[in-house]
Structures are given as structure tokens and as C-alpha cells.
Amino acid sequence: MTRKNQFWKGMLFGALAGGAVTLLDKETREAMKEHVKRVSGVVSEVVRHPGEMAEKVKGTATKLKTTFEQVGEDISFIVEKVDELRELTPKVTDAMKETKESLSPDDELLEELLEEKEYR
């Protein structure tokens, strides 16, 4: 158990040391300074007006719920149409086969129609 604690302590100290070393770079320090300002501004705004933040979160949650419901309905509609197509496709295929068979070149009616067309 002691080794495990030492491992995590080492990880923490290593991360802190790595973070400190990166702050030697002036651009990194400036970027971190701006980031901390932005985050502290957001945090102070939330602390001053917690009700507004709660309303925003509720509004976002409602929008997400509505969106998920709509997506669910759309998926159900698509699945229904795909099922209809699956049922319809064999019927169309059978109808096409029947039509092809009924219009085969052996059919006297087709031959007569073709002959009439040639004479025109």
C-alpha cells in the first residue's frame, strides 16, 4: 500500500514540476494568465448569480431533451420506411418478373405490336 501512495505522490510532484518548467516560457505564462482570468471571471459570475446559471443549465437540458426526442422520432420514421421498402421490394420484383414474362418475345400480341410499329 505504501508503494501505491508513493507512486501517486510521485505522479503529482512530477506533474507540478512539469507545469512549473513549462511556465519558464513567456508565451506559455501569458496564455495561462489569460486562461486563469477567463476562468476566474466565469467562476465569479456564477458565484454572484447562481440562479441565472441554473436557469441556463435547465434551458440547455430542456433543449437537449427535445433534440433527443426529435432524433428518436426521426430514427423511428426512417426505420419504418426502411421496413416498408423491405416489404415492397419483393412485390415490385415479382411484378417486374410477371411483366417481363407477359411481354416475352414469344407473345403473339407483342409481335403484332412490333410489326405494326415497323409498318408505320
Protein backbone atom coordinates (compact mmCIF):
# COMPACT_ATOMS: atom_id res chain seq x y z
CA MET A 1 0.00 0.00 0.00
CA THR A 2 2.85 2.38 0.74
CA ARG A 3 4.32 1.90 -2.74
CA LYS A 4 0.99 2.79 -4.32
CA ASN A 5 0.82 6.04 -2.31
CA GLN A 6 4.38 6.87 -3.31
CA PHE A 7 3.53 6.29 -6.95
CA TRP A 8 0.64 8.77 -6.88
CA LYS A 9 2.68 11.27 -4.88
CA GLY A 10 5.43 10.96 -7.48
CA MET A 11 2.90 11.49 -10.27
CA LEU A 12 1.57 14.60 -8.55
CA PHE A 13 5.00 16.07 -7.93
CA GLY A 14 6.08 15.23 -11.46
CA ALA A 15 3.04 16.98 -12.89
CA LEU A 16 3.65 20.01 -10.73
CA ALA A 17 7.32 20.11 -11.71
CA GLY A 18 6.42 19.74 -15.39
CA GLY A 19 3.88 22.54 -15.13
CA ALA A 20 6.40 24.79 -13.40
CA VAL A 21 9.01 24.13 -16.09
CA THR A 22 6.57 25.00 -18.87
CA LEU A 23 5.91 28.33 -17.17
CA LEU A 24 9.53 29.33 -17.86
CA ASP A 25 8.37 30.10 -21.40
CA LYS A 26 6.98 33.64 -21.62
CA GLU A 27 4.25 32.80 -24.19
CA THR A 28 3.02 29.93 -22.02
CA ARG A 29 2.89 32.20 -18.95
CA GLU A 30 0.89 34.81 -20.88
CA ALA A 31 -1.52 32.20 -22.24
CA MET A 32 -2.04 30.72 -18.76
CA LYS A 33 -2.56 34.19 -17.30
CA GLU A 34 -5.31 34.91 -19.85
CA HIS A 35 -6.86 31.49 -19.27
CA VAL A 36 -6.92 32.00 -15.50
CA LYS A 37 -8.52 35.43 -15.96
CA ARG A 38 -11.28 33.99 -18.14
CA VAL A 39 -11.96 31.08 -15.81
CA SER A 40 -11.95 33.26 -12.71
CA GLY A 41 -14.36 35.66 -14.43
CA VAL A 42 -16.77 32.84 -15.21
CA VAL A 43 -16.49 31.44 -11.69
CA SER A 44 -17.11 34.83 -10.09
CA GLU A 45 -20.15 35.36 -12.36
CA VAL A 46 -21.58 32.01 -11.30
CA VAL A 47 -20.97 32.81 -7.63
CA ARG A 48 -22.66 36.23 -7.97
CA HIS A 49 -25.65 34.97 -10.00
CA PRO A 50 -26.19 31.27 -9.30
CA GLY A 51 -29.85 31.43 -10.30
CA GLU A 52 -29.04 32.62 -13.83
CA MET A 53 -26.58 29.79 -14.29
CA ALA A 54 -29.14 27.28 -13.01
CA GLU A 55 -31.71 28.61 -15.49
CA LYS A 56 -29.21 28.40 -18.35
CA VAL A 57 -28.40 24.81 -17.41
CA LYS A 58 -32.11 23.95 -17.21
CA GLY A 59 -32.75 25.59 -20.57
CA THR A 60 -29.89 23.71 -22.16
CA ALA A 61 -31.09 20.45 -20.63
CA THR A 62 -34.58 21.07 -22.00
CA LYS A 63 -33.21 21.81 -25.47
CA LEU A 64 -31.11 18.65 -25.36
CA LYS A 65 -34.09 16.57 -24.26
CA THR A 66 -36.23 17.99 -27.07
CA THR A 67 -33.47 17.37 -29.60
CA PHE A 68 -33.00 13.76 -28.45
CA GLU A 69 -36.75 13.16 -28.63
CA GLN A 70 -36.87 14.59 -32.17
CA VAL A 71 -33.90 12.47 -33.23
CA GLY A 72 -35.60 9.41 -31.75
CA GLU A 73 -38.78 10.17 -33.69
CA ASP A 74 -36.78 10.70 -36.88
CA ILE A 75 -34.97 7.40 -36.42
CA SER A 76 -38.28 5.61 -35.82
CA PHE A 77 -39.70 7.14 -39.00
CA ILE A 78 -36.66 6.08 -41.02
CA VAL A 79 -36.78 2.55 -39.63
CA GLU A 80 -40.48 2.37 -40.50
CA LYS A 81 -39.81 3.49 -44.08
CA VAL A 82 -36.94 1.00 -44.45
CA ASP A 83 -39.25 -1.79 -43.25
CA GLU A 84 -41.88 -0.67 -45.78
CA LEU A 85 -39.26 -0.75 -48.54
CA ARG A 86 -38.19 -4.23 -47.49
CA GLU A 87 -41.77 -5.41 -47.78
CA LEU A 88 -42.38 -3.56 -51.05
CA THR A 89 -39.19 -4.62 -52.87
CA PRO A 90 -40.13 -8.30 -53.31
CA LYS A 91 -43.59 -7.26 -54.54
CA VAL A 92 -42.07 -4.91 -57.11
CA THR A 93 -39.57 -7.57 -58.18
CA ASP A 94 -42.38 -10.11 -58.62
CA ALA A 95 -44.45 -7.60 -60.60
CA MET A 96 -41.48 -6.88 -62.86
CA LYS A 97 -40.91 -10.60 -63.44
CA GLU A 98 -44.58 -11.08 -64.27
CA THR A 99 -44.48 -8.12 -66.64
CA LYS A 100 -41.36 -9.44 -68.32
CA GLU A 101 -42.90 -12.86 -68.69
CA SER A 102 -46.11 -11.43 -70.07
CA LEU A 103 -44.18 -9.35 -72.59
CA SER A 104 -41.80 -12.07 -73.69
CA PRO A 105 -40.92 -12.20 -77.42
CA ASP A 106 -42.93 -15.41 -77.69
CA ASP A 107 -46.09 -13.45 -77.05
CA GLU A 108 -48.10 -13.04 -80.21
CA LEU A 109 -49.54 -9.72 -79.10
CA LEU A 110 -46.07 -8.25 -78.64
CA GLU A 111 -45.02 -9.49 -82.05
CA GLU A 112 -48.08 -7.93 -83.64
CA LEU A 113 -47.38 -4.62 -81.93
CA LEU A 114 -43.79 -4.67 -83.10
CA GLU A 115 -44.85 -5.44 -86.65
CA GLU A 116 -47.38 -2.62 -86.64
CA LYS A 117 -44.72 -0.22 -85.42
CA GLU A 118 -42.38 -1.26 -88.24
CA TYR A 119 -45.04 -0.53 -90.84
CA ARG A 120 -45.64 3.00 -89.57
